[in-house]
Amino acid sequence: MSKKNKDIQVQINEEERLINGEKQTVTQLVIGKKNIGEIIPENKNFQAYNDGHLLGNYKTLDDGIEALIRNWNLHE
């Protein structure tokens, strides 16, 4: 007998931060009250971070979001 999948609400929050002297929009992914990662724009790419560790560089914001969710799902 298999378990039924639960729907999980993922919130995407954006905030302005000073990074290397420049204002940049940082995208945070939140599940419940837990911050599962951040995505920071870097030139034309996006860097995804989980607990301060770089997961990788991605061409689009959506790819970075998917990578963070996959990483959270794998380790949760």
Protein backbone atom coordinates (compact mmCIF):
# COMPACT_ATOMS: atom_id res chain seq x y z
CA MET A 1 0.00 0.00 0.00
CA SER A 2 1.47 3.35 -0.96
CA LYS A 3 1.31 6.59 0.95
CA LYS A 4 -0.76 9.45 -0.37
CA ASN A 5 1.19 12.52 -1.44
CA LYS A 6 0.60 15.66 0.62
CA ASP A 7 0.29 19.10 -0.88
CA ILE A 8 2.96 21.42 0.50
CA GLN A 9 2.70 25.20 0.24
CA VAL A 10 5.93 26.88 -0.88
CA GLN A 11 6.14 30.64 -0.40
CA ILE A 12 8.44 32.79 -2.50
CA ASN A 13 9.58 35.99 -0.79
CA GLU A 14 11.69 38.70 -2.39
CA GLU A 15 13.79 41.23 -0.51
CA GLU A 16 16.36 43.85 -1.43
CA ARG A 17 19.87 43.36 -0.02
CA LEU A 18 23.24 45.01 -0.41
CA ILE A 19 25.61 42.44 -1.91
CA ASN A 20 29.13 43.61 -2.78
CA GLY A 21 27.96 47.22 -2.60
CA GLU A 22 25.04 46.70 -5.01
CA LYS A 23 21.33 46.40 -4.27
CA GLN A 24 20.06 43.05 -5.50
CA THR A 25 16.76 41.22 -5.20
CA VAL A 26 17.18 38.00 -3.24
CA THR A 27 14.47 35.36 -3.64
CA GLN A 28 13.79 33.19 -0.57
CA LEU A 29 11.84 29.93 -0.56
CA VAL A 30 9.90 29.19 2.62
CA ILE A 31 7.98 26.05 3.59
CA GLY A 32 5.95 26.57 6.75
CA LYS A 33 8.27 28.62 8.95
CA LYS A 34 11.48 27.10 7.58
CA ASN A 35 13.62 28.93 5.02
CA ILE A 36 14.79 26.22 2.61
CA GLY A 37 17.04 28.38 0.46
CA GLU A 38 17.87 31.58 -1.38
CA ILE A 39 18.46 32.51 -4.99
CA ILE A 40 20.77 35.41 -5.78
CA PRO A 41 21.21 36.86 -9.29
CA GLU A 42 24.81 36.73 -10.54
CA ASN A 43 25.44 38.42 -13.92
CA LYS A 44 22.99 36.64 -16.27
CA ASN A 45 22.67 33.52 -14.10
CA PHE A 46 21.16 32.70 -10.70
CA GLN A 47 22.96 31.07 -7.77
CA ALA A 48 20.94 28.84 -5.46
CA TYR A 49 22.04 28.53 -1.82
CA ASN A 50 20.83 26.09 0.83
CA ASP A 51 21.99 26.76 4.41
CA GLY A 52 24.81 28.91 3.06
CA HIS A 53 26.07 26.21 0.68
CA LEU A 54 26.04 26.84 -3.06
CA LEU A 55 23.90 24.27 -4.91
CA GLY A 56 24.82 25.56 -8.35
CA ASN A 57 24.39 28.18 -11.05
CA TYR A 58 21.19 28.19 -13.09
CA LYS A 59 20.15 30.02 -16.25
CA THR A 60 16.67 30.95 -15.01
CA LEU A 61 15.06 31.74 -11.68
CA ASP A 62 12.63 28.84 -12.20
CA ASP A 63 15.52 26.37 -12.56
CA GLY A 64 16.99 27.62 -9.28
CA ILE A 65 13.63 27.26 -7.52
CA GLU A 66 13.24 23.71 -8.83
CA ALA A 67 16.75 22.80 -7.64
CA LEU A 68 16.04 24.09 -4.12
CA ILE A 69 12.76 22.19 -3.93
CA ARG A 70 14.39 19.00 -5.23
CA ASN A 71 17.21 19.34 -2.69
CA TRP A 72 14.74 19.94 0.15
CA ASN A 73 12.61 16.98 -0.93
CA LEU A 74 15.66 14.71 -1.08
CA HIS A 75 16.92 15.60 2.40
CA GLU A 76 13.63 16.08 4.26
